[in-house]
């Protein structure tokens, strides 16, 4: 899965229960941040760590062309940070943390699932230059992602043993 697919997947899980909740990533989608007093969230990749690579395994064979299809899996852990802003930021962060925990623990998809737990919700509220509080709450989500890489290769169909050497 690509980063964009992972973000769409996570946002989709939350918007199943709260379809009107607004997600904004001002750095990537070019949209301005919502006006103060509006509840909204942003999510960003913190890191993407490769943790394993499986051996090639044959998954298909075309006898007409002599081509074999080989598949291997790249296993990685994607860490995504959710940031919530607005007057209900704390409640939204806690609710969405719970929604994701429920959805990802029971997720039937074989290519993505929860790895470990979602982090606790952190209070990152700060005093703004206009002497008003800028409410911000955050949590992290680690996803165990499996990407399958498919390659085509010519198959060895016939071979002849010409010489056998035996050691005494």
N, C-alpha and C. Protein backbone atom coordinates (compact mmCIF):
# COMPACT_ATOMS: atom_id res chain seq x y z
N UNK A 1 0.84 -1.18 0.00
CA UNK A 1 0.00 0.00 0.00
C UNK A 1 0.88 1.24 0.00
N UNK A 2 0.45 2.23 -0.73
CA UNK A 2 1.17 3.50 -0.76
C UNK A 2 0.73 4.35 0.43
N UNK A 3 1.48 5.42 0.67
CA UNK A 3 1.11 6.33 1.76
C UNK A 3 -0.28 6.91 1.55
N UNK A 4 -0.58 7.29 0.32
CA UNK A 4 -1.89 7.87 0.02
C UNK A 4 -3.00 6.86 0.30
N UNK A 5 -2.79 5.60 -0.06
CA UNK A 5 -3.80 4.56 0.20
C UNK A 5 -3.99 4.34 1.70
N UNK A 6 -2.90 4.37 2.46
CA UNK A 6 -2.99 4.18 3.90
C UNK A 6 -3.78 5.33 4.53
N UNK A 7 -3.49 6.57 4.11
CA UNK A 7 -4.20 7.74 4.66
C UNK A 7 -5.68 7.65 4.30
N UNK A 8 -5.99 7.32 3.04
CA UNK A 8 -7.40 7.20 2.64
C UNK A 8 -8.11 6.11 3.43
N UNK A 9 -7.41 5.03 3.70
CA UNK A 9 -7.98 3.93 4.45
C UNK A 9 -8.30 4.35 5.88
N UNK A 10 -7.35 5.02 6.56
CA UNK A 10 -7.57 5.44 7.94
C UNK A 10 -8.66 6.50 8.04
N UNK A 11 -8.62 7.48 7.15
CA UNK A 11 -9.66 8.52 7.14
C UNK A 11 -11.02 7.88 6.87
N UNK A 12 -11.07 6.92 5.97
CA UNK A 12 -12.31 6.22 5.67
C UNK A 12 -12.88 5.49 6.87
N UNK A 13 -12.01 4.88 7.69
CA UNK A 13 -12.47 4.19 8.89
C UNK A 13 -13.16 5.16 9.84
N UNK A 14 -12.56 6.34 10.01
CA UNK A 14 -13.13 7.33 10.92
C UNK A 14 -14.41 7.92 10.33
N UNK A 15 -14.40 8.20 9.04
CA UNK A 15 -15.55 8.85 8.43
C UNK A 15 -16.74 7.90 8.24
N UNK A 16 -16.56 6.62 8.49
CA UNK A 16 -17.71 5.71 8.52
C UNK A 16 -18.64 6.06 9.67
N UNK A 17 -18.06 6.51 10.79
CA UNK A 17 -18.88 6.87 11.95
C UNK A 17 -19.10 8.37 12.05
N UNK A 18 -18.19 9.17 11.51
CA UNK A 18 -18.34 10.63 11.52
C UNK A 18 -18.07 11.17 10.12
N UNK A 19 -19.05 11.07 9.22
CA UNK A 19 -18.81 11.40 7.81
C UNK A 19 -18.49 12.87 7.55
N UNK A 20 -18.86 13.76 8.44
CA UNK A 20 -18.62 15.18 8.20
C UNK A 20 -17.36 15.72 8.86
N UNK A 21 -16.60 14.85 9.54
CA UNK A 21 -15.38 15.34 10.20
C UNK A 21 -14.35 15.70 9.13
N UNK A 22 -13.68 16.81 9.33
CA UNK A 22 -12.78 17.35 8.30
C UNK A 22 -11.32 17.00 8.60
N UNK A 23 -10.65 16.39 7.62
CA UNK A 23 -9.21 16.13 7.68
C UNK A 23 -8.53 17.06 6.69
N UNK A 24 -7.49 17.75 7.14
CA UNK A 24 -6.76 18.69 6.29
C UNK A 24 -5.27 18.41 6.45
N UNK A 25 -4.56 18.36 5.33
CA UNK A 25 -3.11 18.31 5.37
C UNK A 25 -2.61 19.47 4.52
N UNK A 26 -2.42 20.60 5.17
CA UNK A 26 -2.10 21.84 4.45
C UNK A 26 -0.81 21.73 3.65
N UNK A 27 0.11 20.88 4.07
CA UNK A 27 1.39 20.77 3.36
C UNK A 27 1.27 19.98 2.07
N UNK A 28 0.37 18.98 2.05
CA UNK A 28 0.28 18.10 0.90
C UNK A 28 -0.86 18.42 -0.06
N UNK A 29 -2.02 18.83 0.48
CA UNK A 29 -3.15 19.03 -0.41
C UNK A 29 -3.39 20.48 -0.80
N UNK A 30 -2.58 21.40 -0.26
CA UNK A 30 -2.68 22.81 -0.66
C UNK A 30 -3.87 23.55 -0.10
N UNK A 31 -4.66 22.92 0.75
CA UNK A 31 -5.81 23.60 1.34
C UNK A 31 -5.36 24.42 2.54
N UNK A 32 -6.05 25.52 2.77
CA UNK A 32 -5.78 26.33 3.95
C UNK A 32 -6.35 25.63 5.18
N UNK A 33 -5.76 25.89 6.34
CA UNK A 33 -6.29 25.31 7.57
C UNK A 33 -7.63 25.97 7.89
N UNK A 34 -8.55 25.24 8.49
CA UNK A 34 -9.86 25.80 8.82
C UNK A 34 -9.75 26.99 9.79
N UNK A 35 -10.78 27.78 9.84
CA UNK A 35 -10.80 28.96 10.70
C UNK A 35 -10.78 28.53 12.16
N UNK A 36 -10.24 29.36 13.05
CA UNK A 36 -10.24 29.03 14.47
C UNK A 36 -11.67 28.77 14.97
N UNK A 37 -11.77 27.82 15.89
CA UNK A 37 -13.08 27.45 16.41
C UNK A 37 -13.70 26.27 15.69
N UNK A 38 -13.03 25.80 14.63
CA UNK A 38 -13.51 24.65 13.85
C UNK A 38 -12.77 23.40 14.29
N UNK A 39 -13.47 22.30 14.39
CA UNK A 39 -12.83 21.03 14.72
C UNK A 39 -12.32 20.38 13.44
N UNK A 40 -11.05 20.00 13.45
CA UNK A 40 -10.46 19.35 12.30
C UNK A 40 -9.23 18.58 12.75
N UNK A 41 -8.69 17.77 11.84
CA UNK A 41 -7.51 16.95 12.16
C UNK A 41 -6.58 16.87 10.97
N UNK A 42 -5.36 16.52 11.27
CA UNK A 42 -4.33 16.30 10.26
C UNK A 42 -3.62 15.01 10.60
N UNK A 43 -3.20 14.26 9.59
CA UNK A 43 -2.39 13.09 9.88
C UNK A 43 -1.18 13.05 8.97
N UNK A 44 -0.04 12.67 9.55
CA UNK A 44 1.23 12.67 8.84
C UNK A 44 2.01 11.41 9.18
N UNK A 45 2.78 10.94 8.21
CA UNK A 45 3.68 9.81 8.45
C UNK A 45 4.87 10.30 9.26
N UNK A 46 5.15 9.60 10.35
CA UNK A 46 6.33 9.91 11.16
C UNK A 46 7.52 9.13 10.60
N UNK A 47 7.33 7.84 10.40
CA UNK A 47 8.37 7.03 9.76
C UNK A 47 7.74 5.78 9.14
N UNK A 48 8.53 5.15 8.33
CA UNK A 48 8.12 3.96 7.60
C UNK A 48 9.29 2.99 7.69
N UNK A 49 9.22 2.03 8.58
CA UNK A 49 10.37 1.17 8.87
C UNK A 49 10.21 -0.20 8.22
N UNK A 50 11.18 -0.59 7.40
CA UNK A 50 11.18 -1.93 6.80
C UNK A 50 11.62 -2.92 7.86
N UNK A 51 10.86 -3.99 8.04
CA UNK A 51 11.19 -4.98 9.06
C UNK A 51 11.42 -6.38 8.51
N UNK A 52 11.11 -6.62 7.25
CA UNK A 52 11.34 -7.95 6.73
C UNK A 52 11.05 -8.06 5.25
N UNK A 53 11.66 -9.06 4.63
CA UNK A 53 11.48 -9.33 3.21
C UNK A 53 11.38 -10.83 3.06
N UNK A 54 10.29 -11.31 2.47
CA UNK A 54 10.12 -12.75 2.34
C UNK A 54 10.86 -13.27 1.12
N UNK A 55 11.04 -14.58 1.10
CA UNK A 55 11.66 -15.24 -0.04
C UNK A 55 10.72 -15.21 -1.24
N UNK A 56 11.29 -15.27 -2.44
CA UNK A 56 10.46 -15.36 -3.64
C UNK A 56 9.71 -16.70 -3.62
N UNK A 57 8.45 -16.65 -4.02
CA UNK A 57 7.66 -17.86 -4.11
C UNK A 57 6.92 -17.85 -5.45
N UNK A 58 6.87 -18.98 -6.13
CA UNK A 58 6.14 -19.01 -7.41
C UNK A 58 4.64 -18.92 -7.16
N UNK A 59 3.98 -18.03 -7.90
CA UNK A 59 2.53 -17.87 -7.74
C UNK A 59 1.76 -18.18 -9.01
N UNK A 60 2.43 -18.21 -10.16
CA UNK A 60 1.73 -18.54 -11.41
C UNK A 60 2.75 -19.03 -12.43
N UNK A 61 2.28 -19.82 -13.38
CA UNK A 61 3.14 -20.31 -14.45
C UNK A 61 2.33 -20.32 -15.75
N UNK A 62 2.92 -19.76 -16.81
CA UNK A 62 2.30 -19.74 -18.14
C UNK A 62 3.09 -20.70 -19.02
N UNK A 63 2.52 -21.87 -19.29
CA UNK A 63 3.24 -22.88 -20.07
C UNK A 63 3.41 -22.48 -21.53
N UNK A 64 2.55 -21.61 -22.04
CA UNK A 64 2.66 -21.18 -23.44
C UNK A 64 3.90 -20.30 -23.65
N UNK A 65 4.21 -19.47 -22.69
CA UNK A 65 5.36 -18.56 -22.84
C UNK A 65 6.57 -19.01 -22.03
N UNK A 66 6.38 -19.94 -21.10
CA UNK A 66 7.48 -20.38 -20.25
C UNK A 66 7.85 -19.35 -19.19
N UNK A 67 6.92 -18.51 -18.81
CA UNK A 67 7.17 -17.45 -17.83
C UNK A 67 6.53 -17.84 -16.50
N UNK A 68 7.31 -17.66 -15.44
CA UNK A 68 6.82 -17.92 -14.10
C UNK A 68 6.66 -16.58 -13.38
N UNK A 69 5.64 -16.46 -12.57
CA UNK A 69 5.42 -15.26 -11.77
C UNK A 69 5.90 -15.54 -10.35
N UNK A 70 6.79 -14.69 -9.86
CA UNK A 70 7.33 -14.81 -8.52
C UNK A 70 6.81 -13.67 -7.67
N UNK A 71 6.44 -13.98 -6.43
CA UNK A 71 5.96 -12.96 -5.51
C UNK A 71 6.82 -12.98 -4.26
N UNK A 72 7.01 -11.80 -3.68
CA UNK A 72 7.66 -11.70 -2.38
C UNK A 72 7.00 -10.56 -1.62
N UNK A 73 7.10 -10.59 -0.32
CA UNK A 73 6.45 -9.60 0.52
C UNK A 73 7.46 -8.71 1.22
N UNK A 74 7.19 -7.42 1.23
CA UNK A 74 7.96 -6.45 2.00
C UNK A 74 7.10 -6.11 3.21
N UNK A 75 7.62 -6.38 4.37
CA UNK A 75 6.91 -6.13 5.62
C UNK A 75 7.46 -4.85 6.23
N UNK A 76 6.57 -3.91 6.58
CA UNK A 76 7.03 -2.67 7.18
C UNK A 76 6.04 -2.17 8.21
N UNK A 77 6.53 -1.31 9.08
CA UNK A 77 5.70 -0.69 10.09
C UNK A 77 5.63 0.79 9.77
N UNK A 78 4.42 1.27 9.52
CA UNK A 78 4.20 2.68 9.24
C UNK A 78 3.67 3.33 10.52
N UNK A 79 4.32 4.41 10.92
CA UNK A 79 3.89 5.15 12.12
C UNK A 79 3.27 6.46 11.66
N UNK A 80 1.99 6.66 12.01
CA UNK A 80 1.23 7.83 11.58
C UNK A 80 0.81 8.62 12.80
N UNK A 81 1.00 9.94 12.74
CA UNK A 81 0.61 10.82 13.83
C UNK A 81 -0.68 11.54 13.46
N UNK A 82 -1.66 11.47 14.35
CA UNK A 82 -2.92 12.18 14.20
C UNK A 82 -2.88 13.41 15.10
N UNK A 83 -3.16 14.58 14.56
CA UNK A 83 -3.22 15.83 15.32
C UNK A 83 -4.63 16.38 15.21
N UNK A 84 -5.24 16.71 16.35
CA UNK A 84 -6.61 17.24 16.39
C UNK A 84 -6.59 18.66 16.92
N UNK A 85 -7.38 19.52 16.27
CA UNK A 85 -7.43 20.93 16.60
C UNK A 85 -8.88 21.33 16.81
N UNK A 86 -9.09 22.42 17.55
CA UNK A 86 -10.44 22.96 17.73
C UNK A 86 -10.91 22.80 19.15
N UNK A 87 -12.09 23.35 19.44
CA UNK A 87 -12.61 23.33 20.82
C UNK A 87 -12.90 21.92 21.34
N UNK A 88 -13.19 20.96 20.47
CA UNK A 88 -13.47 19.59 20.90
C UNK A 88 -12.33 18.64 20.55
N UNK A 89 -11.12 19.18 20.47
CA UNK A 89 -9.97 18.38 20.03
C UNK A 89 -9.73 17.17 20.93
N UNK A 90 -9.83 17.34 22.23
CA UNK A 90 -9.56 16.23 23.16
C UNK A 90 -10.57 15.11 22.96
N UNK A 91 -11.85 15.46 22.88
CA UNK A 91 -12.89 14.44 22.69
C UNK A 91 -12.76 13.74 21.34
N UNK A 92 -12.48 14.52 20.30
CA UNK A 92 -12.33 13.93 18.97
C UNK A 92 -11.14 12.98 18.93
N UNK A 93 -10.02 13.37 19.53
CA UNK A 93 -8.83 12.51 19.54
C UNK A 93 -9.12 11.21 20.29
N UNK A 94 -9.76 11.31 21.44
CA UNK A 94 -10.08 10.09 22.21
C UNK A 94 -11.05 9.19 21.44
N UNK A 95 -12.10 9.79 20.86
CA UNK A 95 -13.09 8.99 20.12
C UNK A 95 -12.48 8.32 18.90
N UNK A 96 -11.67 9.05 18.16
CA UNK A 96 -11.07 8.49 16.94
C UNK A 96 -10.01 7.44 17.27
N UNK A 97 -9.31 7.63 18.38
CA UNK A 97 -8.36 6.61 18.84
C UNK A 97 -9.12 5.32 19.10
N UNK A 98 -10.27 5.42 19.76
CA UNK A 98 -11.07 4.24 20.06
C UNK A 98 -11.65 3.62 18.78
N UNK A 99 -12.13 4.46 17.85
CA UNK A 99 -12.67 3.95 16.58
C UNK A 99 -11.60 3.16 15.82
N UNK A 100 -10.39 3.71 15.74
CA UNK A 100 -9.31 3.02 15.03
C UNK A 100 -8.91 1.74 15.73
N UNK A 101 -8.86 1.76 17.07
CA UNK A 101 -8.49 0.56 17.80
C UNK A 101 -9.48 -0.56 17.53
N UNK A 102 -10.77 -0.24 17.56
CA UNK A 102 -11.80 -1.25 17.28
C UNK A 102 -11.71 -1.73 15.84
N UNK A 103 -11.60 -0.81 14.90
CA UNK A 103 -11.61 -1.17 13.48
C UNK A 103 -10.39 -1.96 13.07
N UNK A 104 -9.23 -1.58 13.55
CA UNK A 104 -8.00 -2.22 13.11
C UNK A 104 -7.77 -3.57 13.79
N UNK A 105 -8.25 -3.75 15.00
CA UNK A 105 -8.09 -5.04 15.66
C UNK A 105 -8.97 -6.11 15.05
N UNK A 106 -10.11 -5.71 14.48
CA UNK A 106 -11.01 -6.68 13.86
C UNK A 106 -10.95 -6.65 12.35
N UNK A 107 -9.91 -6.02 11.79
CA UNK A 107 -9.84 -5.82 10.34
C UNK A 107 -9.54 -7.13 9.62
N UNK A 108 -10.38 -7.53 8.66
CA UNK A 108 -10.13 -8.78 7.96
C UNK A 108 -9.13 -8.68 6.81
N UNK A 109 -8.69 -7.46 6.47
CA UNK A 109 -7.78 -7.33 5.32
C UNK A 109 -6.43 -7.97 5.62
N UNK A 110 -5.91 -8.80 4.72
CA UNK A 110 -4.64 -9.48 5.00
C UNK A 110 -3.43 -8.58 4.81
N UNK A 111 -3.56 -7.44 4.13
CA UNK A 111 -2.38 -6.63 3.82
C UNK A 111 -2.13 -5.49 4.79
N UNK A 112 -3.00 -5.28 5.77
CA UNK A 112 -2.78 -4.20 6.73
C UNK A 112 -3.46 -4.58 8.04
N UNK A 113 -2.84 -4.27 9.14
CA UNK A 113 -3.43 -4.55 10.44
C UNK A 113 -2.69 -3.79 11.51
N UNK A 114 -3.22 -3.80 12.69
CA UNK A 114 -2.62 -3.05 13.79
C UNK A 114 -1.41 -3.78 14.33
N UNK A 115 -0.36 -3.06 14.52
CA UNK A 115 0.87 -3.61 15.11
C UNK A 115 1.04 -2.92 16.45
N UNK A 116 0.96 -3.64 17.53
CA UNK A 116 1.04 -3.02 18.85
C UNK A 116 -0.26 -2.28 19.14
N UNK A 117 -0.17 -1.21 19.89
CA UNK A 117 -1.34 -0.43 20.25
C UNK A 117 -1.21 0.99 19.74
N UNK A 118 -2.32 1.68 19.69
CA UNK A 118 -2.28 3.10 19.43
C UNK A 118 -1.75 3.76 20.70
N UNK A 119 -1.06 4.86 20.54
CA UNK A 119 -0.50 5.53 21.71
C UNK A 119 -1.60 6.22 22.51
N UNK A 120 -1.25 6.65 23.71
CA UNK A 120 -2.16 7.46 24.50
C UNK A 120 -2.33 8.82 23.82
N UNK A 121 -3.42 9.49 24.14
CA UNK A 121 -3.65 10.83 23.60
C UNK A 121 -2.80 11.82 24.39
N UNK A 122 -2.05 12.66 23.65
CA UNK A 122 -1.17 13.65 24.27
C UNK A 122 -1.79 15.04 24.15
N UNK A 123 -1.67 15.82 25.21
CA UNK A 123 -2.16 17.20 25.22
C UNK A 123 -1.02 18.11 24.77
N UNK A 124 -1.15 18.70 23.58
CA UNK A 124 -0.14 19.60 23.03
C UNK A 124 -0.69 21.03 22.91
N UNK A 125 -1.66 21.36 23.75
CA UNK A 125 -2.28 22.68 23.75
C UNK A 125 -1.24 23.74 24.08
N UNK A 126 -1.33 24.88 23.37
CA UNK A 126 -0.37 25.96 23.62
C UNK A 126 -1.08 27.30 23.62
N UNK A 127 -0.44 28.27 24.27
CA UNK A 127 -0.96 29.62 24.31
C UNK A 127 -0.51 30.34 23.04
N UNK A 128 -1.48 30.84 22.29
CA UNK A 128 -1.20 31.48 21.01
C UNK A 128 -0.78 32.95 21.23
N UNK A 129 -0.19 33.60 20.21
CA UNK A 129 0.23 34.99 20.34
C UNK A 129 -0.91 35.95 20.71
N UNK A 130 -2.15 35.61 20.36
CA UNK A 130 -3.28 36.49 20.70
C UNK A 130 -3.83 36.20 22.10
N UNK A 131 -3.06 35.46 22.91
CA UNK A 131 -3.40 35.11 24.30
C UNK A 131 -4.63 34.20 24.41
N UNK A 132 -4.89 33.43 23.37
CA UNK A 132 -5.94 32.42 23.39
C UNK A 132 -5.29 31.05 23.30
N UNK A 133 -5.99 30.07 23.83
CA UNK A 133 -5.46 28.73 23.79
C UNK A 133 -5.69 28.10 22.42
N UNK A 134 -4.64 27.49 21.87
CA UNK A 134 -4.74 26.71 20.64
C UNK A 134 -4.81 25.25 21.03
N UNK A 135 -6.01 24.69 21.03
CA UNK A 135 -6.18 23.30 21.48
C UNK A 135 -5.65 22.34 20.43
N UNK A 136 -4.79 21.45 20.88
CA UNK A 136 -4.22 20.43 20.00
C UNK A 136 -3.97 19.17 20.81
N UNK A 137 -4.52 18.07 20.33
CA UNK A 137 -4.32 16.78 20.97
C UNK A 137 -3.84 15.81 19.90
N UNK A 138 -3.02 14.86 20.30
CA UNK A 138 -2.37 14.01 19.31
C UNK A 138 -2.25 12.57 19.82
N UNK A 139 -2.22 11.63 18.88
CA UNK A 139 -1.86 10.25 19.19
C UNK A 139 -1.19 9.64 17.96
N UNK A 140 -0.47 8.56 18.17
CA UNK A 140 0.23 7.85 17.09
C UNK A 140 -0.43 6.50 16.86
N UNK A 141 -0.33 6.03 15.63
CA UNK A 141 -0.87 4.74 15.24
C UNK A 141 0.22 4.00 14.46
N UNK A 142 0.52 2.78 14.87
CA UNK A 142 1.48 1.96 14.13
C UNK A 142 0.72 0.90 13.36
N UNK A 143 0.96 0.87 12.06
CA UNK A 143 0.31 -0.12 11.20
C UNK A 143 1.34 -1.09 10.65
N UNK A 144 1.00 -2.34 10.67
CA UNK A 144 1.81 -3.39 10.09
C UNK A 144 1.35 -3.56 8.66
N UNK A 145 2.16 -3.19 7.70
CA UNK A 145 1.77 -3.16 6.29
C UNK A 145 2.56 -4.21 5.51
N UNK A 146 1.88 -4.94 4.65
CA UNK A 146 2.53 -5.94 3.80
C UNK A 146 2.33 -5.53 2.35
N UNK A 147 3.41 -5.27 1.66
CA UNK A 147 3.36 -4.97 0.22
C UNK A 147 3.89 -6.19 -0.52
N UNK A 148 3.12 -6.69 -1.47
CA UNK A 148 3.56 -7.83 -2.27
C UNK A 148 4.16 -7.33 -3.57
N UNK A 149 5.38 -7.77 -3.84
CA UNK A 149 6.10 -7.40 -5.07
C UNK A 149 6.00 -8.59 -6.02
N UNK A 150 5.58 -8.33 -7.26
CA UNK A 150 5.41 -9.41 -8.25
C UNK A 150 6.41 -9.19 -9.38
N UNK A 151 7.13 -10.27 -9.73
CA UNK A 151 8.12 -10.22 -10.80
C UNK A 151 7.86 -11.37 -11.76
N UNK A 152 8.16 -11.14 -13.03
CA UNK A 152 8.08 -12.19 -14.05
C UNK A 152 9.49 -12.69 -14.32
N UNK A 153 9.60 -13.99 -14.56
CA UNK A 153 10.92 -14.59 -14.80
C UNK A 153 10.76 -15.79 -15.73
N UNK A 154 11.76 -16.03 -16.60
CA UNK A 154 11.67 -17.25 -17.42
C UNK A 154 11.85 -18.48 -16.53
N UNK A 155 11.09 -19.50 -16.82
CA UNK A 155 11.15 -20.73 -16.03
C UNK A 155 12.14 -21.71 -16.66
N UNK A 156 12.78 -22.50 -15.83
CA UNK A 156 13.63 -23.58 -16.32
C UNK A 156 12.71 -24.78 -16.51
N UNK A 157 12.50 -25.16 -17.77
CA UNK A 157 11.56 -26.23 -18.06
C UNK A 157 12.26 -27.57 -18.32
N UNK A 158 13.38 -27.52 -19.01
CA UNK A 158 14.12 -28.75 -19.32
C UNK A 158 15.59 -28.54 -19.00
N UNK A 159 16.20 -29.58 -18.51
CA UNK A 159 17.65 -29.53 -18.34
C UNK A 159 18.18 -30.94 -18.50
N UNK A 160 19.43 -31.01 -18.92
CA UNK A 160 20.08 -32.29 -19.18
C UNK A 160 21.32 -32.38 -18.31
N UNK A 161 21.44 -33.50 -17.61
CA UNK A 161 22.65 -33.74 -16.83
C UNK A 161 23.62 -34.48 -17.75
N UNK A 162 24.77 -33.84 -18.03
CA UNK A 162 25.71 -34.42 -18.96
C UNK A 162 26.77 -35.29 -18.31
N UNK A 163 27.15 -34.94 -17.11
CA UNK A 163 28.25 -35.68 -16.49
C UNK A 163 27.98 -35.78 -14.99
N UNK A 164 28.18 -36.99 -14.47
CA UNK A 164 28.05 -37.19 -13.05
C UNK A 164 29.41 -37.60 -12.54
N UNK A 165 29.93 -36.86 -11.60
CA UNK A 165 31.23 -37.17 -11.02
C UNK A 165 30.98 -37.68 -9.60
N UNK A 166 31.51 -38.89 -9.36
CA UNK A 166 31.35 -39.47 -8.03
C UNK A 166 32.68 -39.47 -7.33
N UNK A 167 32.62 -39.09 -6.10
CA UNK A 167 33.85 -39.11 -5.30
C UNK A 167 33.91 -40.42 -4.53
N UNK A 168 35.12 -40.99 -4.46
CA UNK A 168 35.28 -42.26 -3.72
C UNK A 168 35.94 -42.03 -2.41
